[in-house]
Amino acid sequence: MRHPERELKNKETIKALLEQSQVGRMATVNREGFPVIKPVNFLYWDGKIYIHSSGKGEKIRDIRRKSSVCFEVDDPIAYVADKGTACKANYYYRSIIIKGKASLVNHERKKLEILEKLMQKYQQEEGYEGIPGEIVKKTAVIEITAQKVTAKEKLG
């Protein structure tokens, strides 16, 4: 980390940011060697990141090829303009980057549990019906296991 004074070390703050963030970004490396990043809805649960997906597509192909993954969330807190030079303008934020490996969850009961937790996160007002078995079967659930986590913040 280029600015060690910005390292976010508080594990509870990191956990809260991962639990509360609405959008994350997952990156894989495709067959041509290019990094590919996609915004995703996600769940942080039991120390892992879970993402629902179609069973087909580029990120699923990359995961099946054992591509390393990177996952990022950020909390843009405030932009602070400056009337002087542009270099004095500032941005306050928190961010987390997780580097690791991804796999597909194949156990139907675990997939259903994760999909239900995703619904609880994104539709807190409830009012939704249970998830039918055929939907669980055709929905891919990606599990990201962290190998390295870095977190930064600039708050003033």
C-alpha atoms as a PDB file:
ATOM      1  CA  MET A   1       0.000   0.000   0.000  1.00  0.00           C
ATOM      2  CA  ARG A   2       1.516   3.262  -1.149  1.00  0.00           C
ATOM      3  CA  HIS A   3      -0.051   5.240   1.719  1.00  0.00           C
ATOM      4  CA  PRO A   4       0.215   3.018   4.809  1.00  0.00           C
ATOM      5  CA  GLU A   5      -1.359   5.777   6.917  1.00  0.00           C
ATOM      6  CA  ARG A   6      -4.613   5.161   5.000  1.00  0.00           C
ATOM      7  CA  GLU A   7      -4.799   1.468   5.823  1.00  0.00           C
ATOM      8  CA  LEU A   8      -8.152   0.582   7.355  1.00  0.00           C
ATOM      9  CA  LYS A   9      -7.363  -1.924  10.095  1.00  0.00           C
ATOM     10  CA  ASN A  10     -10.582  -2.039  12.101  1.00  0.00           C
ATOM     11  CA  LYS A  11     -12.080  -5.461  11.295  1.00  0.00           C
ATOM     12  CA  GLU A  12     -15.562  -4.449  12.468  1.00  0.00           C
ATOM     13  CA  THR A  13     -15.560  -1.459  10.085  1.00  0.00           C
ATOM     14  CA  ILE A  14     -14.410  -3.700   7.225  1.00  0.00           C
ATOM     15  CA  LYS A  15     -17.101  -6.262   8.034  1.00  0.00           C
ATOM     16  CA  ALA A  16     -19.798  -3.559   8.252  1.00  0.00           C
ATOM     17  CA  LEU A  17     -18.788  -2.083   4.900  1.00  0.00           C
ATOM     18  CA  LEU A  18     -18.920  -5.520   3.265  1.00  0.00           C
ATOM     19  CA  GLU A  19     -22.302  -6.275   4.831  1.00  0.00           C
ATOM     20  CA  GLN A  20     -23.887  -2.927   3.976  1.00  0.00           C
ATOM     21  CA  SER A  21     -22.528  -2.137   0.509  1.00  0.00           C
ATOM     22  CA  GLN A  22     -25.122  -2.565  -2.187  1.00  0.00           C
ATOM     23  CA  VAL A  23     -22.836  -2.989  -5.199  1.00  0.00           C
ATOM     24  CA  GLY A  24     -19.497  -4.702  -5.521  1.00  0.00           C
ATOM     25  CA  ARG A  25     -17.250  -5.204  -8.506  1.00  0.00           C
ATOM     26  CA  MET A  26     -15.883  -8.599  -9.417  1.00  0.00           C
ATOM     27  CA  ALA A  27     -12.944  -8.963 -11.777  1.00  0.00           C
ATOM     28  CA  THR A  28     -11.723 -12.082 -13.542  1.00  0.00           C
ATOM     29  CA  VAL A  29      -9.128 -12.640 -16.235  1.00  0.00           C
ATOM     30  CA  ASN A  30     -10.588 -13.844 -19.527  1.00  0.00           C
ATOM     31  CA  ARG A  31      -9.105 -16.305 -22.038  1.00  0.00           C
ATOM     32  CA  GLU A  32      -7.354 -13.512 -23.902  1.00  0.00           C
ATOM     33  CA  GLY A  33      -5.609 -12.440 -20.685  1.00  0.00           C
ATOM     34  CA  PHE A  34      -7.659  -9.253 -20.228  1.00  0.00           C
ATOM     35  CA  PRO A  35      -9.065  -8.323 -16.832  1.00  0.00           C
ATOM     36  CA  VAL A  36     -12.848  -8.072 -16.957  1.00  0.00           C
ATOM     37  CA  ILE A  37     -14.756  -6.274 -14.225  1.00  0.00           C
ATOM     38  CA  LYS A  38     -18.494  -6.400 -13.606  1.00  0.00           C
ATOM     39  CA  PRO A  39     -20.713  -4.654 -11.060  1.00  0.00           C
ATOM     40  CA  VAL A  40     -22.642  -7.229  -9.016  1.00  0.00           C
ATOM     41  CA  ASN A  41     -25.113  -7.554  -6.180  1.00  0.00           C
ATOM     42  CA  PHE A  42     -23.508  -9.664  -3.489  1.00  0.00           C
ATOM     43  CA  LEU A  43     -23.710 -11.074  -0.008  1.00  0.00           C
ATOM     44  CA  TYR A  44     -20.951 -11.044   2.586  1.00  0.00           C
ATOM     45  CA  TRP A  45     -21.638 -13.980   4.856  1.00  0.00           C
ATOM     46  CA  ASP A  46     -19.524 -16.219   7.021  1.00  0.00           C
ATOM     47  CA  GLY A  47     -16.306 -14.525   5.871  1.00  0.00           C
ATOM     48  CA  LYS A  48     -16.949 -15.070   2.147  1.00  0.00           C
ATOM     49  CA  ILE A  49     -18.448 -13.166  -0.751  1.00  0.00           C
ATOM     50  CA  TYR A  50     -21.413 -14.718  -2.588  1.00  0.00           C
ATOM     51  CA  ILE A  51     -22.744 -13.569  -5.946  1.00  0.00           C
ATOM     52  CA  HIS A  52     -25.707 -14.877  -7.910  1.00  0.00           C
ATOM     53  CA  SER A  53     -25.349 -15.180 -11.656  1.00  0.00           C
ATOM     54  CA  SER A  54     -26.575 -16.815 -14.775  1.00  0.00           C
ATOM     55  CA  GLY A  55     -25.013 -20.228 -15.217  1.00  0.00           C
ATOM     56  CA  LYS A  56     -23.486 -19.010 -18.480  1.00  0.00           C
ATOM     57  CA  GLY A  57     -21.341 -16.085 -19.452  1.00  0.00           C
ATOM     58  CA  GLU A  58     -17.838 -14.760 -19.289  1.00  0.00           C
ATOM     59  CA  LYS A  59     -17.341 -14.663 -15.504  1.00  0.00           C
ATOM     60  CA  ILE A  60     -18.642 -18.232 -15.136  1.00  0.00           C
ATOM     61  CA  ARG A  61     -16.309 -19.441 -17.906  1.00  0.00           C
ATOM     62  CA  ASP A  62     -13.412 -17.636 -16.227  1.00  0.00           C
ATOM     63  CA  ILE A  63     -14.213 -19.210 -12.848  1.00  0.00           C
ATOM     64  CA  ARG A  64     -14.413 -22.665 -14.419  1.00  0.00           C
ATOM     65  CA  ARG A  65     -10.955 -22.019 -15.900  1.00  0.00           C
ATOM     66  CA  LYS A  66      -9.717 -21.273 -12.342  1.00  0.00           C
ATOM     67  CA  SER A  67      -9.111 -17.573 -13.009  1.00  0.00           C
ATOM     68  CA  SER A  68      -7.990 -15.596 -10.003  1.00  0.00           C
ATOM     69  CA  VAL A  69     -10.579 -13.051  -8.951  1.00  0.00           C
ATOM     70  CA  CYS A  70     -10.597  -9.630  -7.396  1.00  0.00           C
ATOM     71  CA  PHE A  71     -13.596  -8.139  -5.617  1.00  0.00           C
ATOM     72  CA  GLU A  72     -13.975  -4.469  -4.657  1.00  0.00           C
ATOM     73  CA  VAL A  73     -16.407  -2.340  -2.684  1.00  0.00           C
ATOM     74  CA  ASP A  74     -16.145   1.327  -1.876  1.00  0.00           C
ATOM     75  CA  ASP A  75     -17.949   3.922   0.147  1.00  0.00           C
ATOM     76  CA  PRO A  76     -17.634   7.352  -1.476  1.00  0.00           C
ATOM     77  CA  ILE A  77     -18.156   9.671   1.477  1.00  0.00           C
ATOM     78  CA  ALA A  78     -17.586  13.192   0.153  1.00  0.00           C
ATOM     79  CA  TYR A  79     -15.892  15.229  -2.505  1.00  0.00           C
ATOM     80  CA  VAL A  80     -14.281  18.381  -1.156  1.00  0.00           C
ATOM     81  CA  ALA A  81     -13.691  21.066  -3.759  1.00  0.00           C
ATOM     82  CA  ASP A  82     -10.996  23.673  -3.401  1.00  0.00           C
ATOM     83  CA  LYS A  83     -11.017  27.200  -4.833  1.00  0.00           C
ATOM     84  CA  GLY A  84      -7.271  27.035  -5.364  1.00  0.00           C
ATOM     85  CA  THR A  85      -5.503  24.518  -7.558  1.00  0.00           C
ATOM     86  CA  ALA A  86      -7.239  21.318  -8.549  1.00  0.00           C
ATOM     87  CA  CYS A  87      -4.548  19.380  -6.689  1.00  0.00           C
ATOM     88  CA  LYS A  88      -5.957  20.633  -3.388  1.00  0.00           C
ATOM     89  CA  ALA A  89      -9.413  19.172  -4.030  1.00  0.00           C
ATOM     90  CA  ASN A  90     -10.007  15.994  -2.064  1.00  0.00           C
ATOM     91  CA  TYR A  91     -12.146  12.899  -1.884  1.00  0.00           C
ATOM     92  CA  TYR A  92     -13.034  11.050   1.314  1.00  0.00           C
ATOM     93  CA  TYR A  93     -13.762   7.347   1.040  1.00  0.00           C
ATOM     94  CA  ARG A  94     -13.386   3.821   2.337  1.00  0.00           C
ATOM     95  CA  SER A  95     -12.553   0.910   0.045  1.00  0.00           C
ATOM     96  CA  ILE A  96     -11.862  -2.797   0.297  1.00  0.00           C
ATOM     97  CA  ILE A  97     -10.153  -5.038  -2.239  1.00  0.00           C
ATOM     98  CA  ILE A  98     -10.281  -8.813  -1.889  1.00  0.00           C
ATOM     99  CA  LYS A  99      -8.021 -10.998  -4.000  1.00  0.00           C
ATOM    100  CA  GLY A 100      -8.728 -14.693  -4.064  1.00  0.00           C
ATOM    101  CA  LYS A 101     -10.282 -17.682  -5.716  1.00  0.00           C
ATOM    102  CA  ALA A 102     -13.857 -18.261  -6.785  1.00  0.00           C
ATOM    103  CA  SER A 103     -15.808 -21.461  -7.061  1.00  0.00           C
ATOM    104  CA  LEU A 104     -19.374 -22.396  -7.861  1.00  0.00           C
ATOM    105  CA  VAL A 105     -21.642 -23.553  -5.052  1.00  0.00           C
ATOM    106  CA  ASN A 106     -23.147 -26.860  -6.152  1.00  0.00           C
ATOM    107  CA  HIS A 107     -25.029 -27.951  -3.042  1.00  0.00           C
ATOM    108  CA  GLU A 108     -28.720 -27.065  -3.600  1.00  0.00           C
ATOM    109  CA  ARG A 109     -29.500 -26.405   0.076  1.00  0.00           C
ATOM    110  CA  LYS A 110     -26.555 -24.012   0.437  1.00  0.00           C
ATOM    111  CA  LYS A 111     -27.474 -22.261  -2.833  1.00  0.00           C
ATOM    112  CA  LEU A 112     -31.031 -21.763  -1.590  1.00  0.00           C
ATOM    113  CA  GLU A 113     -29.801 -20.422   1.757  1.00  0.00           C
ATOM    114  CA  ILE A 114     -27.519 -17.911   0.016  1.00  0.00           C
ATOM    115  CA  LEU A 115     -30.223 -16.819  -2.445  1.00  0.00           C
ATOM    116  CA  GLU A 116     -32.653 -16.296   0.451  1.00  0.00           C
ATOM    117  CA  LYS A 117     -30.047 -14.212   2.313  1.00  0.00           C
ATOM    118  CA  LEU A 118     -29.536 -12.134  -0.839  1.00  0.00           C
ATOM    119  CA  MET A 119     -33.297 -11.506  -0.961  1.00  0.00           C
ATOM    120  CA  GLN A 120     -33.273 -10.458   2.707  1.00  0.00           C
ATOM    121  CA  LYS A 121     -30.429  -8.029   1.996  1.00  0.00           C
ATOM    122  CA  TYR A 122     -31.906  -6.417  -1.110  1.00  0.00           C
ATOM    123  CA  GLN A 123     -35.631  -6.602  -0.366  1.00  0.00           C
ATOM    124  CA  GLN A 124     -35.792  -5.817   3.322  1.00  0.00           C
ATOM    125  CA  GLU A 125     -39.464  -4.905   3.119  1.00  0.00           C
ATOM    126  CA  GLU A 126     -40.046  -8.599   2.346  1.00  0.00           C
ATOM    127  CA  GLY A 127     -43.240  -9.399   0.435  1.00  0.00           C
ATOM    128  CA  TYR A 128     -41.508 -11.915  -1.819  1.00  0.00           C
ATOM    129  CA  GLU A 129     -42.347 -15.580  -2.214  1.00  0.00           C
ATOM    130  CA  GLY A 130     -39.983 -18.474  -1.702  1.00  0.00           C
ATOM    131  CA  ILE A 131     -37.485 -19.284  -4.414  1.00  0.00           C
ATOM    132  CA  PRO A 132     -38.706 -22.188  -6.576  1.00  0.00           C
ATOM    133  CA  GLY A 133     -36.425 -25.214  -6.908  1.00  0.00           C
ATOM    134  CA  GLU A 134     -36.091 -24.811 -10.682  1.00  0.00           C
ATOM    135  CA  ILE A 135     -34.747 -21.294 -10.179  1.00  0.00           C
ATOM    136  CA  VAL A 136     -32.232 -22.542  -7.605  1.00  0.00           C
ATOM    137  CA  LYS A 137     -31.052 -25.233 -10.033  1.00  0.00           C
ATOM    138  CA  LYS A 138     -30.486 -22.865 -12.952  1.00  0.00           C
ATOM    139  CA  THR A 139     -28.972 -20.002 -10.934  1.00  0.00           C
ATOM    140  CA  ALA A 140     -25.235 -20.028 -10.403  1.00  0.00           C
ATOM    141  CA  VAL A 141     -23.930 -18.987  -7.002  1.00  0.00           C
ATOM    142  CA  ILE A 142     -20.309 -17.878  -6.883  1.00  0.00           C
ATOM    143  CA  GLU A 143     -18.313 -18.142  -3.671  1.00  0.00           C
ATOM    144  CA  ILE A 144     -15.193 -15.999  -3.309  1.00  0.00           C
ATOM    145  CA  THR A 145     -12.640 -17.072  -0.738  1.00  0.00           C
ATOM    146  CA  ALA A 146     -10.231 -14.300   0.200  1.00  0.00           C
ATOM    147  CA  GLN A 147      -6.498 -14.891  -0.019  1.00  0.00           C
ATOM    148  CA  LYS A 148      -5.598 -11.236   0.556  1.00  0.00           C
ATOM    149  CA  VAL A 149      -7.680  -8.338   1.826  1.00  0.00           C
ATOM    150  CA  THR A 150      -6.619  -4.706   1.723  1.00  0.00           C
ATOM    151  CA  ALA A 151      -8.739  -1.867   3.032  1.00  0.00           C
ATOM    152  CA  LYS A 152      -8.132   1.872   2.838  1.00  0.00           C
ATOM    153  CA  GLU A 153      -9.803   4.994   4.068  1.00  0.00           C
ATOM    154  CA  LYS A 154      -9.310   8.706   3.739  1.00  0.00           C
ATOM    155  CA  LEU A 155     -11.546  10.607   6.099  1.00  0.00           C
ATOM    156  CA  GLY A 156      -9.898  13.958   6.415  1.00  0.00           C
END
